[in-house]
C-alpha atoms as a PDB file:
ATOM      1  CA  MET A   1       0.000   0.000   0.000  1.00  0.00           C
ATOM      2  CA  LYS A   2       2.068   2.896  -1.303  1.00  0.00           C
ATOM      3  CA  ASP A   3      -0.579   5.167  -2.855  1.00  0.00           C
ATOM      4  CA  LEU A   4      -1.327   7.973  -0.407  1.00  0.00           C
ATOM      5  CA  ASN A   5      -4.137   9.192  -2.685  1.00  0.00           C
ATOM      6  CA  LEU A   6      -6.201   6.182  -1.615  1.00  0.00           C
ATOM      7  CA  PHE A   7      -6.374   7.754   1.838  1.00  0.00           C
ATOM      8  CA  PHE A   8      -5.500  11.437   1.792  1.00  0.00           C
ATOM      9  CA  SER A   9      -6.338  14.318  -0.560  1.00  0.00           C
ATOM     10  CA  ASP A  10      -4.282  17.083   1.018  1.00  0.00           C
ATOM     11  CA  LEU A  11      -1.476  16.323   3.465  1.00  0.00           C
ATOM     12  CA  SER A  12      -0.974  18.923   6.185  1.00  0.00           C
ATOM     13  CA  GLU A  13       2.562  17.614   6.823  1.00  0.00           C
ATOM     14  CA  PRO A  14       3.699  15.885   3.582  1.00  0.00           C
ATOM     15  CA  ASP A  15       7.254  15.522   4.910  1.00  0.00           C
ATOM     16  CA  ILE A  16       6.021  12.985   7.437  1.00  0.00           C
ATOM     17  CA  PHE A  17       5.731  10.419   4.618  1.00  0.00           C
ATOM     18  CA  ALA A  18       9.164  11.117   3.099  1.00  0.00           C
ATOM     19  CA  ASP A  19      11.171   7.973   2.275  1.00  0.00           C
ATOM     20  CA  CYS A  20       8.286   5.658   3.203  1.00  0.00           C
ATOM     21  CA  GLU A  21       7.432   2.532   1.235  1.00  0.00           C
ATOM     22  CA  HIS A  22       4.064   1.895   2.893  1.00  0.00           C
ATOM     23  CA  VAL A  23       1.463   4.281   4.225  1.00  0.00           C
ATOM     24  CA  TRP A  24       1.984   3.100   7.825  1.00  0.00           C
ATOM     25  CA  ASP A  25       5.788   3.435   7.760  1.00  0.00           C
ATOM     26  CA  PRO A  26       5.932   6.893   9.451  1.00  0.00           C
ATOM     27  CA  LEU A  27       4.736   5.223  12.651  1.00  0.00           C
ATOM     28  CA  LYS A  28       7.955   3.199  12.859  1.00  0.00           C
ATOM     29  CA  THR A  29      10.056   6.332  13.359  1.00  0.00           C
ATOM     30  CA  LEU A  30       7.420   8.798  14.516  1.00  0.00           C
ATOM     31  CA  GLU A  31       9.367   9.976  17.557  1.00  0.00           C
ATOM     32  CA  SER A  32      12.271  11.285  15.479  1.00  0.00           C
ATOM     33  CA  ARG A  33       9.926  12.640  12.795  1.00  0.00           C
ATOM     34  CA  VAL A  34       7.907  14.641  15.341  1.00  0.00           C
ATOM     35  CA  LYS A  35      11.077  16.053  16.896  1.00  0.00           C
ATOM     36  CA  GLN A  36      12.312  17.071  13.454  1.00  0.00           C
ATOM     37  CA  LEU A  37       9.023  18.813  12.660  1.00  0.00           C
ATOM     38  CA  ILE A  38       9.149  20.651  15.988  1.00  0.00           C
ATOM     39  CA  ARG A  39      12.690  21.886  15.282  1.00  0.00           C
ATOM     40  CA  LYS A  40      11.550  23.076  11.862  1.00  0.00           C
ATOM     41  CA  LYS A  41       8.526  24.820  13.378  1.00  0.00           C
ATOM     42  CA  VAL A  42      10.437  26.750  16.026  1.00  0.00           C
ATOM     43  CA  SER A  43      13.352  27.684  13.773  1.00  0.00           C
ATOM     44  CA  GLY A  44      13.095  31.431  13.319  1.00  0.00           C
ATOM     45  CA  GLY A  45       9.560  31.572  14.730  1.00  0.00           C
ATOM     46  CA  SER A  46       8.227  33.302  17.821  1.00  0.00           C
ATOM     47  CA  TYR A  47       6.713  31.372  20.685  1.00  0.00           C
ATOM     48  CA  ALA A  48       6.374  31.361  24.447  1.00  0.00           C
ATOM     49  CA  SER A  49       8.555  29.047  26.494  1.00  0.00           C
ATOM     50  CA  HIS A  50       6.545  29.023  29.724  1.00  0.00           C
ATOM     51  CA  LEU A  51       2.961  27.921  30.243  1.00  0.00           C
ATOM     52  CA  ALA A  52       0.960  28.856  33.324  1.00  0.00           C
ATOM     53  CA  GLY A  53      -1.718  26.523  34.647  1.00  0.00           C
ATOM     54  CA  ILE A  54       0.210  23.269  34.263  1.00  0.00           C
ATOM     55  CA  ARG A  55       2.387  21.024  36.413  1.00  0.00           C
ATOM     56  CA  THR A  56       5.295  19.389  34.623  1.00  0.00           C
ATOM     57  CA  THR A  57       7.178  16.230  35.481  1.00  0.00           C
ATOM     58  CA  LEU A  58      10.269  18.427  35.679  1.00  0.00           C
ATOM     59  CA  ASP A  59       8.771  20.037  38.790  1.00  0.00           C
ATOM     60  CA  SER A  60       9.339  16.826  40.708  1.00  0.00           C
ATOM     61  CA  ALA A  61      12.390  14.712  41.512  1.00  0.00           C
ATOM     62  CA  SER A  62      10.541  11.631  40.297  1.00  0.00           C
ATOM     63  CA  TYR A  63       8.089  10.912  37.520  1.00  0.00           C
ATOM     64  CA  HIS A  64       6.503   7.816  36.050  1.00  0.00           C
ATOM     65  CA  ARG A  65       8.957   5.603  34.120  1.00  0.00           C
ATOM     66  CA  GLY A  66      11.066   8.587  33.156  1.00  0.00           C
ATOM     67  CA  GLU A  67       8.416   9.897  30.767  1.00  0.00           C
ATOM     68  CA  GLN A  68       8.269  13.671  30.576  1.00  0.00           C
ATOM     69  CA  GLY A  69       5.161  15.731  30.108  1.00  0.00           C
ATOM     70  CA  PHE A  70       2.665  17.923  31.922  1.00  0.00           C
ATOM     71  CA  TYR A  71      -0.661  17.815  33.737  1.00  0.00           C
ATOM     72  CA  VAL A  72      -3.148  20.623  33.078  1.00  0.00           C
ATOM     73  CA  GLU A  73      -4.333  22.150  36.360  1.00  0.00           C
ATOM     74  CA  ASP A  74      -6.314  25.133  35.064  1.00  0.00           C
ATOM     75  CA  TRP A  75      -8.211  26.272  31.973  1.00  0.00           C
ATOM     76  CA  VAL A  76      -5.615  27.323  29.389  1.00  0.00           C
ATOM     77  CA  ASP A  77      -6.287  29.279  26.195  1.00  0.00           C
ATOM     78  CA  LEU A  78      -3.133  29.811  24.165  1.00  0.00           C
ATOM     79  CA  ALA A  79      -2.927  33.318  22.727  1.00  0.00           C
ATOM     80  CA  GLU A  80       0.427  32.419  21.170  1.00  0.00           C
ATOM     81  CA  PRO A  81       2.322  29.234  20.331  1.00  0.00           C
ATOM     82  CA  ILE A  82       4.104  27.460  23.172  1.00  0.00           C
ATOM     83  CA  TYR A  83       7.307  25.435  22.950  1.00  0.00           C
ATOM     84  CA  LEU A  84       8.421  23.515  26.016  1.00  0.00           C
ATOM     85  CA  LYS A  85      11.893  22.498  24.930  1.00  0.00           C
ATOM     86  CA  GLU A  86      12.691  20.199  27.851  1.00  0.00           C
ATOM     87  CA  LEU A  87       9.514  18.217  27.193  1.00  0.00           C
ATOM     88  CA  ASP A  88       9.681  18.235  23.364  1.00  0.00           C
ATOM     89  CA  ILE A  89       6.148  19.664  23.194  1.00  0.00           C
ATOM     90  CA  PHE A  90       4.928  22.343  20.774  1.00  0.00           C
ATOM     91  CA  ILE A  91       1.329  23.618  20.779  1.00  0.00           C
ATOM     92  CA  GLY A  92      -0.103  26.136  18.332  1.00  0.00           C
ATOM     93  CA  LYS A  93      -1.962  29.332  19.158  1.00  0.00           C
ATOM     94  CA  GLY A  94      -5.693  29.234  19.749  1.00  0.00           C
ATOM     95  CA  THR A  95      -5.572  25.750  21.234  1.00  0.00           C
ATOM     96  CA  GLN A  96      -7.481  25.256  24.479  1.00  0.00           C
ATOM     97  CA  LEU A  97      -6.418  22.890  27.259  1.00  0.00           C
ATOM     98  CA  GLU A  98      -8.920  21.768  29.878  1.00  0.00           C
ATOM     99  CA  PRO A  99      -8.044  20.719  33.445  1.00  0.00           C
ATOM    100  CA  SER A 100      -6.867  17.124  34.021  1.00  0.00           C
ATOM    101  CA  ALA A 101      -5.552  16.591  30.485  1.00  0.00           C
ATOM    102  CA  ILE A 102      -2.090  14.969  30.344  1.00  0.00           C
ATOM    103  CA  ILE A 103       0.352  15.564  27.482  1.00  0.00           C
ATOM    104  CA  LYS A 104       3.684  13.755  27.151  1.00  0.00           C
ATOM    105  CA  GLY A 105       6.404  14.538  24.649  1.00  0.00           C
ATOM    106  CA  PRO A 106       7.389  14.449  21.983  1.00  0.00           C
ATOM    107  CA  ALA A 107       4.162  15.988  20.782  1.00  0.00           C
ATOM    108  CA  MET A 108       3.275  18.591  18.183  1.00  0.00           C
ATOM    109  CA  ILE A 109      -0.271  19.954  18.396  1.00  0.00           C
ATOM    110  CA  GLY A 110      -1.678  22.398  15.863  1.00  0.00           C
ATOM    111  CA  GLU A 111      -3.655  25.604  16.117  1.00  0.00           C
ATOM    112  CA  ASP A 112      -7.220  26.003  17.384  1.00  0.00           C
ATOM    113  CA  CYS A 113      -7.447  22.505  18.835  1.00  0.00           C
ATOM    114  CA  ASP A 114      -9.449  21.371  21.863  1.00  0.00           C
ATOM    115  CA  ILE A 115      -7.630  19.130  24.344  1.00  0.00           C
ATOM    116  CA  ARG A 116     -10.450  18.363  26.728  1.00  0.00           C
ATOM    117  CA  GLN A 117     -10.872  17.167  30.294  1.00  0.00           C
ATOM    118  CA  GLY A 118      -9.272  13.768  30.915  1.00  0.00           C
ATOM    119  CA  ALA A 119      -7.523  13.543  27.544  1.00  0.00           C
ATOM    120  CA  TYR A 120      -4.301  11.502  27.621  1.00  0.00           C
ATOM    121  CA  ILE A 121      -1.696  12.149  24.939  1.00  0.00           C
ATOM    122  CA  ARG A 122       1.080   9.626  25.609  1.00  0.00           C
ATOM    123  CA  GLY A 123       3.811  10.965  23.334  1.00  0.00           C
ATOM    124  CA  ASN A 124       4.942  10.500  19.729  1.00  0.00           C
ATOM    125  CA  ALA A 125       1.884  12.519  18.749  1.00  0.00           C
ATOM    126  CA  LEU A 126       1.347  14.713  15.688  1.00  0.00           C
ATOM    127  CA  ILE A 127      -2.020  16.482  15.770  1.00  0.00           C
ATOM    128  CA  GLY A 128      -3.150  18.879  13.057  1.00  0.00           C
ATOM    129  CA  ASN A 129      -5.081  22.139  13.253  1.00  0.00           C
ATOM    130  CA  HIS A 130      -8.712  22.402  14.406  1.00  0.00           C
ATOM    131  CA  SER A 131      -8.710  18.915  15.924  1.00  0.00           C
ATOM    132  CA  VAL A 132     -10.296  17.557  19.099  1.00  0.00           C
ATOM    133  CA  ILE A 133      -8.873  15.132  21.655  1.00  0.00           C
ATOM    134  CA  GLY A 134     -11.809  14.772  23.979  1.00  0.00           C
ATOM    135  CA  HIS A 135     -12.868  13.426  27.345  1.00  0.00           C
ATOM    136  CA  ALA A 136     -11.222  10.094  28.286  1.00  0.00           C
ATOM    137  CA  THR A 137      -9.583   9.790  24.868  1.00  0.00           C
ATOM    138  CA  GLU A 138      -6.117   8.203  24.837  1.00  0.00           C
ATOM    139  CA  LEU A 139      -3.652   8.626  21.978  1.00  0.00           C
ATOM    140  CA  LYS A 140      -0.110   7.296  21.491  1.00  0.00           C
ATOM    141  CA  ASN A 141       2.336   7.103  18.593  1.00  0.00           C
ATOM    142  CA  SER A 142      -0.243   8.442  16.160  1.00  0.00           C
ATOM    143  CA  ILE A 143      -0.898  11.101  13.528  1.00  0.00           C
ATOM    144  CA  LEU A 144      -4.140  13.084  13.329  1.00  0.00           C
ATOM    145  CA  MET A 145      -4.503  15.485  10.427  1.00  0.00           C
ATOM    146  CA  ASP A 146      -6.541  18.713  10.314  1.00  0.00           C
ATOM    147  CA  HIS A 147     -10.180  18.943  11.430  1.00  0.00           C
ATOM    148  CA  THR A 148     -10.280  15.465  12.978  1.00  0.00           C
ATOM    149  CA  GLU A 149     -12.344  14.787  16.088  1.00  0.00           C
ATOM    150  CA  ALA A 150     -11.897  12.089  18.735  1.00  0.00           C
ATOM    151  CA  GLY A 151     -14.276  13.645  21.185  1.00  0.00           C
ATOM    152  CA  HIS A 152     -15.397  10.967  23.646  1.00  0.00           C
ATOM    153  CA  PHE A 153     -13.935   7.758  25.076  1.00  0.00           C
ATOM    154  CA  ASN A 154     -11.710   6.906  22.102  1.00  0.00           C
ATOM    155  CA  TYR A 155      -8.478   4.915  21.938  1.00  0.00           C
ATOM    156  CA  ILE A 156      -6.012   5.709  19.149  1.00  0.00           C
ATOM    157  CA  GLY A 157      -2.890   3.548  19.156  1.00  0.00           C
ATOM    158  CA  ASP A 158      -0.183   3.491  16.481  1.00  0.00           C
ATOM    159  CA  SER A 159      -2.522   4.915  13.856  1.00  0.00           C
ATOM    160  CA  ILE A 160      -2.719   7.527  11.103  1.00  0.00           C
ATOM    161  CA  ILE A 161      -5.989   9.428  10.674  1.00  0.00           C
ATOM    162  CA  GLY A 162      -6.758  11.764   7.794  1.00  0.00           C
ATOM    163  CA  SER A 163      -8.564  15.108   7.720  1.00  0.00           C
ATOM    164  CA  HIS A 164     -12.225  15.703   8.558  1.00  0.00           C
ATOM    165  CA  VAL A 165     -12.573  12.332  10.282  1.00  0.00           C
ATOM    166  CA  ASN A 166     -15.020  11.815  13.127  1.00  0.00           C
ATOM    167  CA  LEU A 167     -14.539   9.032  15.680  1.00  0.00           C
ATOM    168  CA  GLY A 168     -17.912   8.417  17.267  1.00  0.00           C
ATOM    169  CA  ALA A 169     -18.144   8.096  21.039  1.00  0.00           C
ATOM    170  CA  GLY A 170     -16.496   4.911  22.279  1.00  0.00           C
ATOM    171  CA  SER A 171     -14.904   3.945  18.953  1.00  0.00           C
ATOM    172  CA  LYS A 172     -11.472   2.328  19.319  1.00  0.00           C
ATOM    173  CA  LEU A 173      -8.455   1.787  17.055  1.00  0.00           C
ATOM    174  CA  ALA A 174      -6.869  -1.302  18.608  1.00  0.00           C
ATOM    175  CA  ASN A 175      -3.130  -1.739  18.022  1.00  0.00           C
ATOM    176  CA  LEU A 176      -2.267  -5.100  19.606  1.00  0.00           C
ATOM    177  CA  GLN A 177      -3.546  -8.361  18.127  1.00  0.00           C
ATOM    178  CA  LEU A 178      -4.395 -11.385  20.284  1.00  0.00           C
ATOM    179  CA  ARG A 179      -1.254 -13.138  21.536  1.00  0.00           C
ATOM    180  CA  SER A 180      -0.493 -16.774  22.143  1.00  0.00           C
ATOM    181  CA  ALA A 181       0.588 -18.132  25.526  1.00  0.00           C
ATOM    182  CA  ASP A 182       4.091 -18.625  24.087  1.00  0.00           C
ATOM    183  CA  GLU A 183       4.314 -14.955  23.082  1.00  0.00           C
ATOM    184  CA  LYS A 184       3.314 -13.885  26.571  1.00  0.00           C
ATOM    185  CA  ARG A 185       5.677 -16.260  28.385  1.00  0.00           C
ATOM    186  CA  LYS A 186       8.693 -15.518  26.196  1.00  0.00           C
ATOM    187  CA  GLY A 187       8.057 -11.798  25.864  1.00  0.00           C
ATOM    188  CA  TYR A 188       7.765 -11.389  22.112  1.00  0.00           C
ATOM    189  CA  ILE A 189       4.983 -10.297  19.749  1.00  0.00           C
ATOM    190  CA  ASN A 190       4.528 -11.588  16.219  1.00  0.00           C
ATOM    191  CA  PRO A 191       4.392  -8.800  13.607  1.00  0.00           C
ATOM    192  CA  ILE A 192       1.037  -7.822  12.173  1.00  0.00           C
ATOM    193  CA  HIS A 193       0.201  -9.104   8.679  1.00  0.00           C
ATOM    194  CA  ILE A 194      -2.424  -7.382   6.521  1.00  0.00           C
ATOM    195  CA  PRO A 195      -4.402  -9.566   4.076  1.00  0.00           C
ATOM    196  CA  LEU A 196      -5.051  -8.041   0.656  1.00  0.00           C
ATOM    197  CA  ASP A 197      -6.685  -9.512  -2.448  1.00  0.00           C
ATOM    198  CA  SER A 198      -3.345 -10.303  -4.116  1.00  0.00           C
ATOM    199  CA  GLU A 199      -0.958 -10.768  -1.186  1.00  0.00           C
ATOM    200  CA  VAL A 200      -0.422 -10.681   2.547  1.00  0.00           C
ATOM    201  CA  LEU A 201       1.759  -7.800   3.709  1.00  0.00           C
ATOM    202  CA  ASP A 202       4.131  -8.190   6.654  1.00  0.00           C
ATOM    203  CA  THR A 203       4.137  -4.769   8.302  1.00  0.00           C
ATOM    204  CA  GLY A 204       7.175  -5.562  10.453  1.00  0.00           C
ATOM    205  CA  MET A 205       5.325  -3.924  13.354  1.00  0.00           C
ATOM    206  CA  GLU A 206       4.357  -5.591  16.607  1.00  0.00           C
ATOM    207  CA  LYS A 207       1.776  -2.876  17.195  1.00  0.00           C
ATOM    208  CA  LEU A 208      -0.212  -1.217  14.420  1.00  0.00           C
ATOM    209  CA  GLY A 209      -3.660   0.266  14.698  1.00  0.00           C
ATOM    210  CA  ALA A 210      -5.324   1.664  11.597  1.00  0.00           C
ATOM    211  CA  VAL A 211      -4.752   3.984   8.680  1.00  0.00           C
ATOM    212  CA  ILE A 212      -7.967   5.931   8.151  1.00  0.00           C
ATOM    213  CA  GLY A 213      -8.512   8.179   5.154  1.00  0.00           C
ATOM    214  CA  ASP A 214     -10.064  11.622   4.868  1.00  0.00           C
ATOM    215  CA  ASN A 215     -13.760  12.180   5.611  1.00  0.00           C
ATOM    216  CA  VAL A 216     -14.289   8.803   7.284  1.00  0.00           C
ATOM    217  CA  GLU A 217     -17.153   8.511   9.776  1.00  0.00           C
ATOM    218  CA  LEU A 218     -16.805   5.918  12.547  1.00  0.00           C
ATOM    219  CA  GLY A 219     -20.085   5.222  14.301  1.00  0.00           C
ATOM    220  CA  CYS A 220     -20.291   5.076  18.080  1.00  0.00           C
ATOM    221  CA  ASN A 221     -18.616   2.031  19.675  1.00  0.00           C
ATOM    222  CA  ALA A 222     -17.094   0.849  16.408  1.00  0.00           C
ATOM    223  CA  ILE A 223     -14.005  -1.334  16.922  1.00  0.00           C
ATOM    224  CA  VAL A 224     -11.233  -1.225  14.322  1.00  0.00           C
ATOM    225  CA  CYS A 225      -8.908  -4.228  14.573  1.00  0.00           C
ATOM    226  CA  PRO A 226      -5.103  -3.995  14.336  1.00  0.00           C
ATOM    227  CA  GLY A 227      -3.827  -3.713  10.768  1.00  0.00           C
ATOM    228  CA  THR A 228      -6.911  -2.112   9.226  1.00  0.00           C
ATOM    229  CA  LEU A 229      -6.644   0.223   6.214  1.00  0.00           C
ATOM    230  CA  ILE A 230      -9.726   2.342   5.514  1.00  0.00           C
ATOM    231  CA  GLY A 231      -9.832   4.477   2.379  1.00  0.00           C
ATOM    232  CA  LYS A 232     -11.266   7.968   2.289  1.00  0.00           C
ATOM    233  CA  ASP A 233     -15.008   8.710   2.380  1.00  0.00           C
ATOM    234  CA  VAL A 234     -15.920   5.463   4.173  1.00  0.00           C
ATOM    235  CA  TRP A 235     -18.763   5.236   6.692  1.00  0.00           C
ATOM    236  CA  VAL A 236     -18.703   2.617   9.465  1.00  0.00           C
ATOM    237  CA  TYR A 237     -21.964   1.525  11.084  1.00  0.00           C
ATOM    238  CA  PRO A 238     -22.197   2.056  14.889  1.00  0.00           C
ATOM    239  CA  GLY A 239     -21.098  -0.887  17.031  1.00  0.00           C
ATOM    240  CA  LEU A 240     -19.404  -2.667  14.124  1.00  0.00           C
ATOM    241  CA  THR A 241     -16.114  -4.587  14.447  1.00  0.00           C
ATOM    242  CA  ILE A 242     -13.888  -4.082  11.389  1.00  0.00           C
ATOM    243  CA  PRO A 243     -11.408  -6.954  10.774  1.00  0.00           C
ATOM    244  CA  LYS A 244      -7.928  -6.138   9.510  1.00  0.00           C
ATOM    245  CA  GLY A 245      -7.540  -5.648   5.776  1.00  0.00           C
ATOM    246  CA  TYR A 246      -8.165  -2.931   3.188  1.00  0.00           C
ATOM    247  CA  TYR A 247     -11.534  -1.233   2.678  1.00  0.00           C
ATOM    248  CA  PRO A 248     -11.710   0.938  -0.460  1.00  0.00           C
ATOM    249  CA  ALA A 249     -12.897   4.520  -0.641  1.00  0.00           C
ATOM    250  CA  GLY A 250     -16.589   5.272  -0.709  1.00  0.00           C
ATOM    251  CA  THR A 251     -17.747   2.106   1.062  1.00  0.00           C
ATOM    252  CA  LEU A 252     -20.531   1.869   3.630  1.00  0.00           C
ATOM    253  CA  LEU A 253     -19.564  -0.804   6.170  1.00  0.00           C
ATOM    254  CA  VAL A 254     -22.595  -2.366   7.839  1.00  0.00           C
ATOM    255  CA  PRO A 255     -23.412  -5.535   9.866  1.00  0.00           C
ATOM    256  CA  LYS A 256     -23.076  -8.833   7.984  1.00  0.00           C
ATOM    257  CA  ASP A 257     -26.822  -9.183   7.579  1.00  0.00           C
ATOM    258  CA  ARG A 258     -26.642  -6.072   5.428  1.00  0.00           C
ATOM    259  CA  LYS A 259     -24.554  -6.125   2.265  1.00  0.00           C
ATOM    260  CA  PRO A 260     -21.724  -3.545   2.150  1.00  0.00           C
ATOM    261  CA  ARG A 261     -22.354  -1.041  -0.596  1.00  0.00           C
ATOM    262  CA  SER A 262     -20.988   2.142  -2.064  1.00  0.00           C
ATOM    263  CA  ILE A 263     -22.167   5.432  -0.608  1.00  0.00           C
ATOM    264  CA  ARG A 264     -21.230   7.326  -3.756  1.00  0.00           C
ATOM    265  CA  LYS A 265     -24.096   8.750  -5.792  1.00  0.00           C
END
């Protein structure tokens, strides 16, 4: 799967896919890619370097597993961009942070976003402009492009999500497939394979969630299995479980007693 046009019409950060063979490849090196984008963003630009209303892990002699980030203690409305160098976190102007959100670096968050109460951004995060990370939503090692909303009780692990996507309340992008007893005892995870019509692709990744194209609608409580590729303009019926594989653009995914069909007119 090399054709980005199957998923995305207009990339907000095209450099993130540089030198990638498959559409999911940026996730393998997302930490370094996010840090590089942050350095590019702050080079020659103006930004604040201190943010009131938060408590950082650097304020304490100890913090969980050495991970660095901050906890939002007050309502924060950014009138200008903020760059917290020690934490590798950049947040654009106009973004609002609500109390009890946690953000760990490296993370780059765009302009005019909402990071709501109880949101948990676990690092290696690239979030575009006008996006929402809502109540009890957890995100790690993932890319969200512009105008994408994960507003309520969502999990986004090791995934890439296009622009103008809505994740209905409770929808999840699982990133870890079921493991055998041997995998658990010996401490290894078999890489995820994606079945296609003509071949089975070895992703080389132990954890991989989904690649979701522009304008996709995930109904409430939809579950997307590890290794799922969803083209742009797809609608997913509420409560549906989507097995790994590729689903082409313009498809309406419904329960098995209803035949999948195109939503294009």
